[in-house]
N, C-alpha and C. Protein backbone atom coordinates (compact mmCIF):
# COMPACT_ATOMS: atom_id res chain seq x y z
N MET A 1 34.45 18.76 0.37
CA MET A 1 35.72 18.99 1.01
C MET A 1 36.54 17.70 1.09
N VAL A 2 35.90 16.59 1.38
CA VAL A 2 36.61 15.31 1.44
C VAL A 2 37.22 15.00 0.08
N TRP A 3 36.45 15.20 -0.97
CA TRP A 3 36.94 14.88 -2.32
C TRP A 3 38.07 15.81 -2.73
N GLU A 4 37.87 17.12 -2.55
CA GLU A 4 38.84 18.11 -3.00
C GLU A 4 40.19 17.97 -2.31
N SER A 5 40.18 17.58 -1.03
CA SER A 5 41.43 17.50 -0.27
C SER A 5 42.12 16.15 -0.42
N GLY A 6 41.48 15.21 -1.10
CA GLY A 6 42.07 13.88 -1.25
C GLY A 6 41.99 13.06 0.02
N CYS A 7 41.12 13.44 0.90
CA CYS A 7 40.97 12.80 2.20
C CYS A 7 40.51 11.34 2.05
N VAL A 8 41.12 10.45 2.83
CA VAL A 8 40.71 9.04 2.82
C VAL A 8 40.26 8.57 4.19
N VAL A 9 40.36 9.45 5.21
CA VAL A 9 39.90 9.11 6.56
C VAL A 9 39.06 10.26 7.11
N ILE A 10 37.90 9.91 7.67
CA ILE A 10 37.03 10.88 8.34
C ILE A 10 36.91 10.44 9.79
N VAL A 11 37.14 11.37 10.71
CA VAL A 11 36.95 11.10 12.13
C VAL A 11 35.73 11.89 12.56
N MET A 12 34.68 11.19 12.93
CA MET A 12 33.41 11.83 13.27
C MET A 12 33.18 11.73 14.78
N LEU A 13 33.06 12.89 15.43
CA LEU A 13 32.87 12.95 16.88
C LEU A 13 31.45 13.30 17.26
N THR A 14 30.58 13.43 16.27
CA THR A 14 29.21 13.89 16.46
C THR A 14 28.22 12.75 16.30
N PRO A 15 27.29 12.59 17.24
CA PRO A 15 26.22 11.62 17.01
C PRO A 15 25.27 12.17 15.94
N LEU A 16 24.57 11.29 15.24
CA LEU A 16 23.62 11.76 14.23
C LEU A 16 22.46 12.51 14.86
N ALA A 17 22.03 12.05 16.03
CA ALA A 17 20.93 12.71 16.76
C ALA A 17 21.17 12.54 18.26
N GLU A 18 20.64 13.50 19.00
CA GLU A 18 20.74 13.45 20.46
C GLU A 18 19.43 13.98 21.04
N ASN A 19 18.82 13.17 21.88
CA ASN A 19 17.53 13.53 22.50
C ASN A 19 16.50 13.96 21.45
N GLY A 20 16.48 13.25 20.32
CA GLY A 20 15.51 13.54 19.27
C GLY A 20 15.85 14.71 18.37
N THR A 21 16.97 15.37 18.61
CA THR A 21 17.38 16.51 17.80
C THR A 21 18.50 16.09 16.84
N LYS A 22 18.32 16.40 15.57
CA LYS A 22 19.33 16.07 14.57
C LYS A 22 20.59 16.88 14.83
N GLN A 23 21.73 16.21 14.89
CA GLN A 23 23.00 16.88 15.15
C GLN A 23 23.89 16.96 13.91
N CYS A 24 23.67 16.01 12.99
CA CYS A 24 24.55 15.90 11.84
C CYS A 24 23.80 15.21 10.71
N HIS A 25 24.08 15.61 9.49
CA HIS A 25 23.46 14.96 8.33
C HIS A 25 24.17 13.64 8.04
N GLN A 26 23.40 12.60 7.81
CA GLN A 26 23.97 11.31 7.43
C GLN A 26 24.26 11.35 5.94
N TYR A 27 25.52 11.39 5.58
CA TYR A 27 25.92 11.54 4.18
C TYR A 27 26.31 10.20 3.55
N TRP A 28 25.85 9.10 4.12
CA TRP A 28 26.10 7.77 3.59
C TRP A 28 24.81 6.96 3.67
N PRO A 29 24.67 5.96 2.81
CA PRO A 29 23.46 5.12 2.85
C PRO A 29 23.56 4.10 3.99
N ASP A 30 22.42 3.64 4.48
CA ASP A 30 22.41 2.58 5.49
C ASP A 30 22.90 1.26 4.89
N GLU A 31 22.65 1.10 3.61
CA GLU A 31 23.15 -0.07 2.87
C GLU A 31 23.16 0.27 1.39
N GLY A 32 23.96 -0.45 0.63
CA GLY A 32 24.02 -0.20 -0.81
C GLY A 32 24.64 1.14 -1.14
N SER A 33 24.11 1.81 -2.17
CA SER A 33 24.68 3.09 -2.57
C SER A 33 23.59 4.13 -2.81
N ASP A 34 23.98 5.38 -2.68
CA ASP A 34 23.11 6.53 -2.94
C ASP A 34 23.91 7.59 -3.68
N LEU A 35 23.20 8.43 -4.40
CA LEU A 35 23.82 9.54 -5.12
C LEU A 35 23.60 10.82 -4.32
N TYR A 36 24.68 11.53 -4.02
CA TYR A 36 24.64 12.81 -3.32
C TYR A 36 25.31 13.82 -4.24
N HIS A 37 24.50 14.66 -4.86
CA HIS A 37 24.99 15.63 -5.85
C HIS A 37 25.72 14.87 -6.95
N SER A 38 27.00 15.10 -7.13
CA SER A 38 27.71 14.38 -8.21
C SER A 38 28.62 13.28 -7.67
N TYR A 39 28.29 12.78 -6.48
CA TYR A 39 29.09 11.71 -5.88
C TYR A 39 28.21 10.51 -5.53
N GLU A 40 28.67 9.36 -5.92
CA GLU A 40 28.00 8.12 -5.53
C GLU A 40 28.73 7.57 -4.31
N VAL A 41 27.98 7.31 -3.24
CA VAL A 41 28.55 6.79 -2.01
C VAL A 41 28.01 5.38 -1.80
N ASN A 42 28.92 4.43 -1.70
CA ASN A 42 28.55 3.04 -1.50
C ASN A 42 29.08 2.59 -0.14
N LEU A 43 28.19 2.14 0.75
CA LEU A 43 28.63 1.63 2.04
C LEU A 43 29.19 0.23 1.82
N VAL A 44 30.48 0.08 2.03
CA VAL A 44 31.15 -1.20 1.83
C VAL A 44 31.04 -2.06 3.08
N SER A 45 31.30 -1.46 4.25
CA SER A 45 31.23 -2.22 5.50
C SER A 45 31.01 -1.29 6.68
N GLU A 46 30.51 -1.88 7.74
CA GLU A 46 30.32 -1.16 9.01
C GLU A 46 30.67 -2.15 10.11
N HIS A 47 31.69 -1.81 10.89
CA HIS A 47 32.16 -2.71 11.94
C HIS A 47 32.08 -1.99 13.29
N ILE A 48 31.33 -2.57 14.21
CA ILE A 48 31.20 -1.99 15.55
C ILE A 48 32.35 -2.52 16.40
N TRP A 49 33.24 -1.61 16.81
CA TRP A 49 34.39 -2.01 17.63
C TRP A 49 33.97 -2.24 19.07
N CYS A 50 33.12 -1.37 19.58
CA CYS A 50 32.62 -1.47 20.95
C CYS A 50 31.40 -0.55 21.03
N GLU A 51 30.82 -0.39 22.19
CA GLU A 51 29.62 0.45 22.29
C GLU A 51 29.94 1.93 22.09
N ASP A 52 31.21 2.30 22.13
CA ASP A 52 31.60 3.70 22.02
C ASP A 52 31.97 4.16 20.61
N PHE A 53 32.37 3.25 19.74
CA PHE A 53 32.72 3.68 18.39
C PHE A 53 32.62 2.55 17.37
N LEU A 54 32.51 2.98 16.10
CA LEU A 54 32.44 2.04 15.00
C LEU A 54 33.24 2.58 13.82
N VAL A 55 33.48 1.71 12.85
CA VAL A 55 34.25 2.07 11.67
C VAL A 55 33.44 1.69 10.43
N ARG A 56 33.33 2.64 9.51
CA ARG A 56 32.64 2.39 8.24
C ARG A 56 33.64 2.56 7.09
N SER A 57 33.40 1.82 6.04
CA SER A 57 34.20 1.96 4.83
C SER A 57 33.25 2.31 3.69
N PHE A 58 33.60 3.35 2.94
CA PHE A 58 32.79 3.80 1.81
C PHE A 58 33.60 3.72 0.52
N TYR A 59 32.92 3.46 -0.55
CA TYR A 59 33.48 3.58 -1.88
C TYR A 59 32.87 4.87 -2.44
N LEU A 60 33.68 5.87 -2.69
CA LEU A 60 33.22 7.18 -3.13
C LEU A 60 33.62 7.38 -4.60
N LYS A 61 32.64 7.72 -5.43
CA LYS A 61 32.90 7.89 -6.86
C LYS A 61 32.36 9.23 -7.34
N ASN A 62 33.19 9.98 -8.02
CA ASN A 62 32.77 11.21 -8.68
C ASN A 62 32.16 10.80 -10.01
N VAL A 63 30.84 10.95 -10.15
CA VAL A 63 30.17 10.46 -11.36
C VAL A 63 30.48 11.30 -12.60
N GLN A 64 30.97 12.53 -12.40
CA GLN A 64 31.32 13.38 -13.55
C GLN A 64 32.65 12.97 -14.17
N THR A 65 33.59 12.54 -13.32
CA THR A 65 34.93 12.20 -13.82
C THR A 65 35.21 10.70 -13.79
N SER A 66 34.35 9.94 -13.13
CA SER A 66 34.51 8.49 -12.92
C SER A 66 35.69 8.14 -12.01
N GLU A 67 36.29 9.14 -11.37
CA GLU A 67 37.34 8.86 -10.38
C GLU A 67 36.69 8.28 -9.14
N SER A 68 37.44 7.44 -8.43
CA SER A 68 36.88 6.84 -7.21
C SER A 68 37.98 6.64 -6.18
N ARG A 69 37.56 6.46 -4.94
CA ARG A 69 38.49 6.15 -3.85
C ARG A 69 37.72 5.52 -2.71
N THR A 70 38.44 4.85 -1.85
CA THR A 70 37.86 4.28 -0.64
C THR A 70 38.11 5.25 0.51
N VAL A 71 37.09 5.50 1.30
CA VAL A 71 37.18 6.40 2.45
C VAL A 71 36.77 5.61 3.69
N THR A 72 37.54 5.77 4.77
CA THR A 72 37.23 5.12 6.04
C THR A 72 36.74 6.17 7.02
N GLN A 73 35.64 5.87 7.69
CA GLN A 73 35.08 6.79 8.69
C GLN A 73 35.14 6.13 10.06
N PHE A 74 35.78 6.80 11.01
CA PHE A 74 35.79 6.38 12.41
C PHE A 74 34.75 7.25 13.12
N HIS A 75 33.75 6.62 13.72
CA HIS A 75 32.63 7.36 14.32
C HIS A 75 32.59 7.09 15.82
N PHE A 76 32.91 8.13 16.61
CA PHE A 76 32.85 8.05 18.07
C PHE A 76 31.42 8.35 18.49
N LEU A 77 30.82 7.46 19.26
CA LEU A 77 29.38 7.54 19.55
C LEU A 77 29.05 8.10 20.94
N SER A 78 30.03 8.22 21.83
CA SER A 78 29.71 8.55 23.22
C SER A 78 30.08 9.96 23.66
N TRP A 79 30.19 10.87 22.73
CA TRP A 79 30.50 12.25 23.11
C TRP A 79 29.29 13.11 22.77
N MET A 80 28.49 13.39 23.75
CA MET A 80 27.26 14.14 23.55
C MET A 80 27.53 15.65 23.59
N ASP A 81 26.65 16.39 22.98
CA ASP A 81 26.75 17.85 22.90
C ASP A 81 26.83 18.46 24.30
N ARG A 82 27.72 19.41 24.47
CA ARG A 82 27.91 20.15 25.73
C ARG A 82 28.21 19.23 26.91
N ASN A 83 28.93 18.17 26.63
CA ASN A 83 29.26 17.19 27.64
C ASN A 83 30.65 16.66 27.34
N ILE A 84 31.17 15.83 28.21
CA ILE A 84 32.44 15.18 27.97
C ILE A 84 32.25 13.67 28.09
N PRO A 85 33.09 12.89 27.42
CA PRO A 85 32.98 11.44 27.56
C PRO A 85 33.17 11.03 29.02
N GLU A 86 32.48 9.98 29.43
CA GLU A 86 32.58 9.51 30.81
C GLU A 86 33.98 9.04 31.16
N SER A 87 34.68 8.51 30.19
CA SER A 87 36.02 7.98 30.44
C SER A 87 36.98 8.45 29.36
N ALA A 88 38.15 8.89 29.78
CA ALA A 88 39.18 9.28 28.82
C ALA A 88 39.70 8.05 28.08
N ARG A 89 39.60 6.90 28.72
CA ARG A 89 40.10 5.65 28.15
C ARG A 89 39.45 5.35 26.78
N THR A 90 38.12 5.51 26.69
CA THR A 90 37.45 5.21 25.42
C THR A 90 37.89 6.17 24.31
N LEU A 91 38.09 7.44 24.67
CA LEU A 91 38.54 8.42 23.68
C LEU A 91 39.97 8.12 23.23
N LEU A 92 40.82 7.72 24.16
CA LEU A 92 42.20 7.37 23.82
C LEU A 92 42.26 6.11 22.95
N ASP A 93 41.42 5.13 23.26
CA ASP A 93 41.34 3.92 22.42
C ASP A 93 40.88 4.27 21.01
N PHE A 94 39.89 5.17 20.93
CA PHE A 94 39.38 5.63 19.64
C PHE A 94 40.48 6.31 18.84
N ARG A 95 41.21 7.21 19.49
CA ARG A 95 42.31 7.92 18.83
C ARG A 95 43.35 6.93 18.31
N ARG A 96 43.67 5.95 19.11
CA ARG A 96 44.65 4.94 18.71
C ARG A 96 44.20 4.20 17.44
N LYS A 97 42.92 3.82 17.40
CA LYS A 97 42.38 3.12 16.22
C LYS A 97 42.44 4.02 14.98
N CYS A 98 42.12 5.29 15.16
CA CYS A 98 42.11 6.23 14.03
C CYS A 98 43.50 6.41 13.43
N CYS A 99 44.50 6.47 14.28
CA CYS A 99 45.85 6.79 13.83
C CYS A 99 46.68 5.57 13.47
N LEU A 100 46.21 4.39 13.81
CA LEU A 100 46.96 3.17 13.58
C LEU A 100 47.27 2.96 12.10
N GLY A 101 48.53 3.06 11.75
CA GLY A 101 48.95 2.79 10.38
C GLY A 101 48.47 3.79 9.35
N PHE A 102 48.11 5.00 9.76
CA PHE A 102 47.58 5.98 8.81
C PHE A 102 48.53 7.15 8.66
N ASN A 103 48.76 7.55 7.42
CA ASN A 103 49.56 8.71 7.08
C ASN A 103 48.85 9.44 5.96
N GLY A 104 48.36 10.63 6.19
CA GLY A 104 47.69 11.36 5.11
C GLY A 104 46.69 12.36 5.64
N THR A 105 45.79 12.80 4.76
CA THR A 105 44.80 13.80 5.11
C THR A 105 43.63 13.17 5.85
N MET A 106 43.30 13.74 6.99
CA MET A 106 42.21 13.25 7.83
C MET A 106 41.25 14.41 8.08
N LYS A 107 39.97 14.17 7.92
CA LYS A 107 38.96 15.20 8.19
C LYS A 107 38.31 14.90 9.53
N ILE A 108 38.32 15.88 10.44
CA ILE A 108 37.71 15.73 11.75
C ILE A 108 36.39 16.48 11.74
N GLU A 109 35.30 15.79 12.11
CA GLU A 109 33.98 16.40 12.18
C GLU A 109 33.54 16.42 13.63
N GLU A 110 33.13 17.61 14.09
CA GLU A 110 32.66 17.72 15.45
C GLU A 110 31.41 18.58 15.48
N LEU A 111 30.72 18.50 16.58
CA LEU A 111 29.51 19.29 16.76
C LEU A 111 29.90 20.65 17.32
N GLY A 112 29.45 21.71 16.69
CA GLY A 112 29.72 23.05 17.22
C GLY A 112 28.79 23.36 18.37
N SER A 113 29.32 24.00 19.40
CA SER A 113 28.45 24.32 20.55
C SER A 113 27.92 25.72 20.47
């Protein structure tokens, strides 16, 4: 879906795991690159903004067509399943970072309850 829509920003509101239960599939490598179906994903950088969120940059390449693009992922870490963030301030700061200087297709990922 990210590739087909031309998306260059992913906003992730789901933790990878909570209380030992997997919540979301990690579709990027911890370092270097990995092949996922016909897409090569290379982790370019990971920057921790604060304890509540981080930003990752990926180099995504379609190995069948050799097309590539850079995708930025904003990952909010403090919103647990069936709960709300302790402070609206952290969520508003996160939103501000996501939207700063961005115009285009954005994919929002959340945990279904």
